[in-house]
Amino acid sequence: MITSKEDKMAELDRILERLSEIDKTLVGHTHQIKSLKHRMDKGEEQQETISALAQSVNELAINMRYMLDELKKQGIRLDKLEQEPKESYKYYKRLIIGYLFTGVISAIMGAVCALIFK
């Protein structure tokens, strides 16, 4: 099959045109690949940031749990401290009433004894 020079030139032109289209497509794909790589890098950075944030939140939750436990312990100690004056007041009140009662009974017995031994 012998073709003319013009047919060969036309075929070469079509091949060059097709190669030009392929080149343009490859350039477009290259730009898309670079864009995707850039987006992927950003996504990885965001993932690392989110992971660090999650770790910080976890540590914060643990610290808050310890603080809550300590706060409960302090509440119990505070209740004991608040009850201490009440307990002391009750003790001294009983003591004073006991002394007064003892004093009154002693006075009555002293008066009775004075009347008897007079």
N, C-alpha and C. Protein backbone atom coordinates (compact mmCIF):
# COMPACT_ATOMS: atom_id res chain seq x y z
N MET A 1 0.81 -1.15 0.00
CA MET A 1 0.00 0.00 0.00
C MET A 1 0.88 1.25 0.00
N ILE A 2 0.91 1.80 -1.06
CA ILE A 2 1.74 2.98 -1.26
C ILE A 2 0.84 4.19 -1.17
N THR A 3 1.22 5.07 -0.29
CA THR A 3 0.45 6.29 -0.12
C THR A 3 1.29 7.45 -0.57
N SER A 4 0.62 8.47 -0.87
CA SER A 4 1.34 9.64 -1.36
C SER A 4 1.95 10.41 -0.22
N LYS A 5 2.84 11.30 -0.60
CA LYS A 5 3.53 12.12 0.36
C LYS A 5 2.52 13.00 1.10
N GLU A 6 1.52 13.48 0.44
CA GLU A 6 0.52 14.34 1.06
C GLU A 6 -0.28 13.57 2.11
N ASP A 7 -0.58 12.29 1.78
CA ASP A 7 -1.31 11.46 2.75
C ASP A 7 -0.46 11.24 4.00
N LYS A 8 0.82 11.02 3.78
CA LYS A 8 1.73 10.81 4.91
C LYS A 8 1.83 12.09 5.74
N MET A 9 1.89 13.22 5.07
CA MET A 9 1.97 14.50 5.79
C MET A 9 0.68 14.75 6.57
N ALA A 10 -0.46 14.42 5.96
CA ALA A 10 -1.74 14.59 6.64
C ALA A 10 -1.82 13.69 7.87
N GLU A 11 -1.32 12.46 7.69
CA GLU A 11 -1.31 11.51 8.81
C GLU A 11 -0.39 12.01 9.92
N LEU A 12 0.76 12.55 9.56
CA LEU A 12 1.68 13.11 10.56
C LEU A 12 1.05 14.31 11.26
N ASP A 13 0.33 15.14 10.51
CA ASP A 13 -0.36 16.28 11.12
C ASP A 13 -1.40 15.80 12.15
N ARG A 14 -2.15 14.76 11.78
CA ARG A 14 -3.16 14.22 12.70
C ARG A 14 -2.48 13.65 13.96
N ILE A 15 -1.37 12.95 13.74
CA ILE A 15 -0.63 12.39 14.88
C ILE A 15 -0.09 13.50 15.76
N LEU A 16 0.46 14.57 15.17
CA LEU A 16 0.97 15.70 15.94
C LEU A 16 -0.15 16.41 16.69
N GLU A 17 -1.28 16.54 16.03
CA GLU A 17 -2.44 17.17 16.68
C GLU A 17 -2.89 16.32 17.86
N ARG A 18 -2.92 15.02 17.66
CA ARG A 18 -3.32 14.10 18.74
C ARG A 18 -2.31 14.16 19.87
N LEU A 19 -1.02 14.20 19.55
CA LEU A 19 0.02 14.31 20.57
C LEU A 19 -0.10 15.63 21.33
N SER A 20 -0.46 16.69 20.64
CA SER A 20 -0.66 17.99 21.29
C SER A 20 -1.83 17.92 22.27
N GLU A 21 -2.90 17.25 21.88
CA GLU A 21 -4.05 17.08 22.78
C GLU A 21 -3.66 16.25 24.00
N ILE A 22 -2.90 15.17 23.75
CA ILE A 22 -2.45 14.33 24.86
C ILE A 22 -1.55 15.13 25.79
N ASP A 23 -0.68 15.97 25.21
CA ASP A 23 0.21 16.81 26.03
C ASP A 23 -0.60 17.76 26.89
N LYS A 24 -1.63 18.40 26.30
CA LYS A 24 -2.48 19.31 27.06
C LYS A 24 -3.20 18.56 28.18
N THR A 25 -3.67 17.35 27.86
CA THR A 25 -4.36 16.54 28.88
C THR A 25 -3.40 16.17 30.01
N LEU A 26 -2.16 15.81 29.65
CA LEU A 26 -1.17 15.46 30.67
C LEU A 26 -0.83 16.66 31.55
N VAL A 27 -0.72 17.83 30.93
CA VAL A 27 -0.44 19.04 31.72
C VAL A 27 -1.59 19.29 32.70
N GLY A 28 -2.83 19.12 32.21
CA GLY A 28 -3.98 19.30 33.09
C GLY A 28 -3.98 18.30 34.23
N HIS A 29 -3.65 17.04 33.90
CA HIS A 29 -3.58 16.02 34.95
C HIS A 29 -2.46 16.31 35.93
N THR A 30 -1.34 16.81 35.44
CA THR A 30 -0.23 17.15 36.32
C THR A 30 -0.64 18.23 37.32
N HIS A 31 -1.37 19.24 36.83
CA HIS A 31 -1.86 20.29 37.74
C HIS A 31 -2.84 19.71 38.75
N GLN A 32 -3.71 18.83 38.32
CA GLN A 32 -4.67 18.22 39.24
C GLN A 32 -3.95 17.37 40.29
N ILE A 33 -2.93 16.64 39.86
CA ILE A 33 -2.17 15.81 40.80
C ILE A 33 -1.47 16.69 41.84
N LYS A 34 -0.87 17.80 41.39
CA LYS A 34 -0.22 18.71 42.33
C LYS A 34 -1.23 19.29 43.31
N SER A 35 -2.41 19.65 42.80
CA SER A 35 -3.46 20.18 43.66
C SER A 35 -3.91 19.13 44.68
N LEU A 36 -4.07 17.91 44.22
CA LEU A 36 -4.47 16.84 45.13
C LEU A 36 -3.40 16.55 46.18
N LYS A 37 -2.13 16.60 45.78
CA LYS A 37 -1.04 16.41 46.76
C LYS A 37 -1.08 17.51 47.82
N HIS A 38 -1.30 18.74 47.37
CA HIS A 38 -1.37 19.87 48.30
C HIS A 38 -2.55 19.68 49.26
N ARG A 39 -3.70 19.29 48.74
CA ARG A 39 -4.87 19.07 49.58
C ARG A 39 -4.63 17.92 50.56
N MET A 40 -3.95 16.88 50.10
CA MET A 40 -3.64 15.73 50.94
C MET A 40 -2.72 16.15 52.08
N ASP A 41 -1.72 16.98 51.78
CA ASP A 41 -0.82 17.48 52.82
C ASP A 41 -1.59 18.28 53.86
N LYS A 42 -2.49 19.14 53.39
CA LYS A 42 -3.31 19.92 54.32
C LYS A 42 -4.18 19.01 55.18
N GLY A 43 -4.74 17.98 54.54
CA GLY A 43 -5.58 17.03 55.28
C GLY A 43 -4.79 16.30 56.35
N GLU A 44 -3.57 15.93 56.04
CA GLU A 44 -2.72 15.26 57.04
C GLU A 44 -2.39 16.20 58.19
N GLU A 45 -2.11 17.46 57.89
CA GLU A 45 -1.83 18.44 58.95
C GLU A 45 -3.06 18.61 59.84
N GLN A 46 -4.24 18.70 59.23
CA GLN A 46 -5.46 18.85 60.01
C GLN A 46 -5.70 17.61 60.87
N GLN A 47 -5.43 16.45 60.34
CA GLN A 47 -5.59 15.21 61.11
C GLN A 47 -4.67 15.20 62.32
N GLU A 48 -3.43 15.64 62.13
CA GLU A 48 -2.50 15.72 63.26
C GLU A 48 -2.99 16.72 64.30
N THR A 49 -3.51 17.85 63.83
CA THR A 49 -4.03 18.86 64.75
C THR A 49 -5.22 18.31 65.53
N ILE A 50 -6.11 17.64 64.84
CA ILE A 50 -7.29 17.06 65.50
C ILE A 50 -6.87 16.00 66.51
N SER A 51 -5.88 15.20 66.15
CA SER A 51 -5.39 14.16 67.06
C SER A 51 -4.78 14.80 68.32
N ALA A 52 -4.00 15.85 68.13
CA ALA A 52 -3.40 16.55 69.29
C ALA A 52 -4.49 17.17 70.15
N LEU A 53 -5.50 17.72 69.52
CA LEU A 53 -6.61 18.32 70.27
C LEU A 53 -7.37 17.26 71.06
N ALA A 54 -7.61 16.12 70.44
CA ALA A 54 -8.30 15.03 71.14
C ALA A 54 -7.49 14.56 72.34
N GLN A 55 -6.18 14.48 72.19
CA GLN A 55 -5.32 14.08 73.31
C GLN A 55 -5.39 15.12 74.43
N SER A 56 -5.39 16.39 74.07
CA SER A 56 -5.47 17.45 75.08
C SER A 56 -6.80 17.39 75.81
N VAL A 57 -7.88 17.15 75.08
CA VAL A 57 -9.21 17.05 75.71
C VAL A 57 -9.24 15.86 76.66
N ASN A 58 -8.62 14.75 76.26
CA ASN A 58 -8.57 13.58 77.12
C ASN A 58 -7.81 13.88 78.41
N GLU A 59 -6.67 14.55 78.29
CA GLU A 59 -5.90 14.92 79.48
C GLU A 59 -6.68 15.89 80.36
N LEU A 60 -7.39 16.80 79.74
CA LEU A 60 -8.21 17.74 80.50
C LEU A 60 -9.30 17.01 81.27
N ALA A 61 -9.92 16.02 80.63
CA ALA A 61 -10.98 15.25 81.31
C ALA A 61 -10.41 14.49 82.49
N ILE A 62 -9.23 13.92 82.33
CA ILE A 62 -8.59 13.19 83.43
C ILE A 62 -8.29 14.15 84.58
N ASN A 63 -7.73 15.32 84.27
CA ASN A 63 -7.43 16.31 85.32
C ASN A 63 -8.68 16.78 86.01
N MET A 64 -9.75 16.96 85.26
CA MET A 64 -11.00 17.40 85.88
C MET A 64 -11.55 16.32 86.81
N ARG A 65 -11.39 15.06 86.43
CA ARG A 65 -11.85 13.96 87.30
C ARG A 65 -11.08 14.00 88.62
N TYR A 66 -9.75 14.20 88.56
CA TYR A 66 -8.96 14.30 89.78
C TYR A 66 -9.38 15.51 90.61
N MET A 67 -9.65 16.62 89.93
CA MET A 67 -10.08 17.82 90.64
C MET A 67 -11.42 17.59 91.33
N LEU A 68 -12.33 16.87 90.66
CA LEU A 68 -13.63 16.58 91.26
C LEU A 68 -13.47 15.71 92.49
N ASP A 69 -12.60 14.70 92.40
CA ASP A 69 -12.36 13.85 93.57
C ASP A 69 -11.79 14.68 94.72
N GLU A 70 -10.83 15.54 94.42
CA GLU A 70 -10.23 16.37 95.46
C GLU A 70 -11.26 17.33 96.05
N LEU A 71 -12.12 17.85 95.20
CA LEU A 71 -13.17 18.76 95.67
C LEU A 71 -14.13 18.04 96.60
N LYS A 72 -14.46 16.80 96.29
CA LYS A 72 -15.32 16.01 97.18
C LYS A 72 -14.65 15.80 98.53
N LYS A 73 -13.35 15.47 98.50
CA LYS A 73 -12.61 15.28 99.75
C LYS A 73 -12.60 16.56 100.57
N GLN A 74 -12.38 17.69 99.90
CA GLN A 74 -12.37 18.97 100.61
C GLN A 74 -13.75 19.29 101.18
N GLY A 75 -14.79 18.91 100.45
CA GLY A 75 -16.16 19.13 100.94
C GLY A 75 -16.39 18.35 102.22
N ILE A 76 -15.91 17.11 102.25
CA ILE A 76 -16.06 16.29 103.47
C ILE A 76 -15.30 16.92 104.63
N ARG A 77 -14.06 17.36 104.37
CA ARG A 77 -13.27 18.01 105.43
C ARG A 77 -13.94 19.30 105.90
N LEU A 78 -14.51 20.04 104.97
CA LEU A 78 -15.18 21.29 105.33
C LEU A 78 -16.40 21.00 106.20
N ASP A 79 -17.16 19.96 105.84
CA ASP A 79 -18.32 19.59 106.67
C ASP A 79 -17.88 19.24 108.09
N LYS A 80 -16.76 18.50 108.21
CA LYS A 80 -16.25 18.16 109.54
C LYS A 80 -15.86 19.41 110.31
N LEU A 81 -15.21 20.34 109.62
CA LEU A 81 -14.80 21.59 110.28
C LEU A 81 -16.02 22.41 110.70
N GLU A 82 -17.05 22.40 109.87
CA GLU A 82 -18.27 23.15 110.22
C GLU A 82 -18.99 22.50 111.39
N GLN A 83 -18.92 21.18 111.50
CA GLN A 83 -19.60 20.47 112.58
C GLN A 83 -18.84 20.59 113.90
N GLU A 84 -17.56 20.84 113.84
CA GLU A 84 -16.74 20.90 115.04
C GLU A 84 -17.22 21.96 116.04
N PRO A 85 -17.50 23.19 115.63
CA PRO A 85 -18.01 24.17 116.60
C PRO A 85 -19.35 23.75 117.20
N LYS A 86 -20.19 23.14 116.42
CA LYS A 86 -21.48 22.67 116.94
C LYS A 86 -21.26 21.61 118.01
N GLU A 87 -20.36 20.70 117.72
CA GLU A 87 -20.07 19.64 118.68
C GLU A 87 -19.45 20.23 119.95
N SER A 88 -18.54 21.19 119.78
CA SER A 88 -17.92 21.84 120.95
C SER A 88 -18.97 22.58 121.75
N TYR A 89 -19.88 23.27 121.05
CA TYR A 89 -20.94 24.01 121.73
C TYR A 89 -21.82 23.05 122.53
N LYS A 90 -22.17 21.94 121.93
CA LYS A 90 -22.99 20.95 122.64
C LYS A 90 -22.26 20.42 123.86
N TYR A 91 -20.97 20.15 123.71
CA TYR A 91 -20.18 19.63 124.83
C TYR A 91 -20.14 20.63 125.99
N TYR A 92 -19.79 21.87 125.67
CA TYR A 92 -19.69 22.88 126.73
C TYR A 92 -21.06 23.20 127.32
N LYS A 93 -22.08 23.15 126.53
CA LYS A 93 -23.44 23.39 127.03
C LYS A 93 -23.80 22.31 128.05
N ARG A 94 -23.55 21.04 127.74
CA ARG A 94 -23.82 19.94 128.68
C ARG A 94 -22.97 20.10 129.93
N LEU A 95 -21.72 20.50 129.75
CA LEU A 95 -20.82 20.66 130.87
C LEU A 95 -21.32 21.76 131.81
N ILE A 96 -21.73 22.89 131.25
CA ILE A 96 -22.21 24.02 132.06
C ILE A 96 -23.51 23.63 132.77
N ILE A 97 -24.41 22.99 132.02
CA ILE A 97 -25.67 22.56 132.65
C ILE A 97 -25.39 21.56 133.76
N GLY A 98 -24.44 20.66 133.53
CA GLY A 98 -24.07 19.69 134.58
C GLY A 98 -23.51 20.39 135.80
N TYR A 99 -22.64 21.39 135.58
CA TYR A 99 -22.08 22.12 136.72
C TYR A 99 -23.17 22.89 137.46
N LEU A 100 -24.06 23.54 136.70
CA LEU A 100 -25.15 24.27 137.35
C LEU A 100 -26.04 23.32 138.14
N PHE A 101 -26.37 22.20 137.55
CA PHE A 101 -27.21 21.22 138.23
C PHE A 101 -26.52 20.71 139.49
N THR A 102 -25.23 20.42 139.37
CA THR A 102 -24.45 19.96 140.53
C THR A 102 -24.40 21.04 141.60
N GLY A 103 -24.23 22.30 141.16
CA GLY A 103 -24.19 23.42 142.11
C GLY A 103 -25.51 23.59 142.83
N VAL A 104 -26.62 23.49 142.09
CA VAL A 104 -27.95 23.64 142.71
C VAL A 104 -28.19 22.51 143.69
N ILE A 105 -27.90 21.28 143.30
CA ILE A 105 -28.10 20.14 144.20
C ILE A 105 -27.20 20.27 145.43
N SER A 106 -25.95 20.72 145.22
CA SER A 106 -25.04 20.90 146.35
C SER A 106 -25.58 21.97 147.30
N ALA A 107 -26.12 23.06 146.73
CA ALA A 107 -26.67 24.12 147.58
C ALA A 107 -27.86 23.62 148.37
N ILE A 108 -28.74 22.84 147.69
CA ILE A 108 -29.91 22.30 148.39
C ILE A 108 -29.46 21.34 149.49
N MET A 109 -28.50 20.47 149.18
CA MET A 109 -28.03 19.52 150.18
C MET A 109 -27.32 20.25 151.33
N GLY A 110 -26.59 21.31 150.98
CA GLY A 110 -25.94 22.09 152.02
C GLY A 110 -26.96 22.75 152.94
N ALA A 111 -28.06 23.27 152.34
CA ALA A 111 -29.11 23.90 153.15
C ALA A 111 -29.80 22.87 154.01
N VAL A 112 -30.07 21.70 153.45
CA VAL A 112 -30.72 20.63 154.21
C VAL A 112 -29.81 20.19 155.35
N CYS A 113 -28.53 20.00 155.08
CA CYS A 113 -27.58 19.60 156.10
C CYS A 113 -27.47 20.70 157.19
N ALA A 114 -27.50 21.95 156.78
CA ALA A 114 -27.42 23.05 157.75
C ALA A 114 -28.63 23.04 158.66
N LEU A 115 -29.80 22.74 158.09
CA LEU A 115 -31.02 22.68 158.90
C LEU A 115 -31.00 21.48 159.83
N ILE A 116 -30.46 20.39 159.34
CA ILE A 116 -30.44 19.18 160.16
C ILE A 116 -29.43 19.32 161.31
N PHE A 117 -28.29 19.87 161.08
CA PHE A 117 -27.26 19.94 162.10
C PHE A 117 -27.30 21.21 162.91
N LYS A 118 -28.26 21.96 162.80
CA LYS A 118 -28.38 23.18 163.55
C LYS A 118 -28.79 22.99 164.95
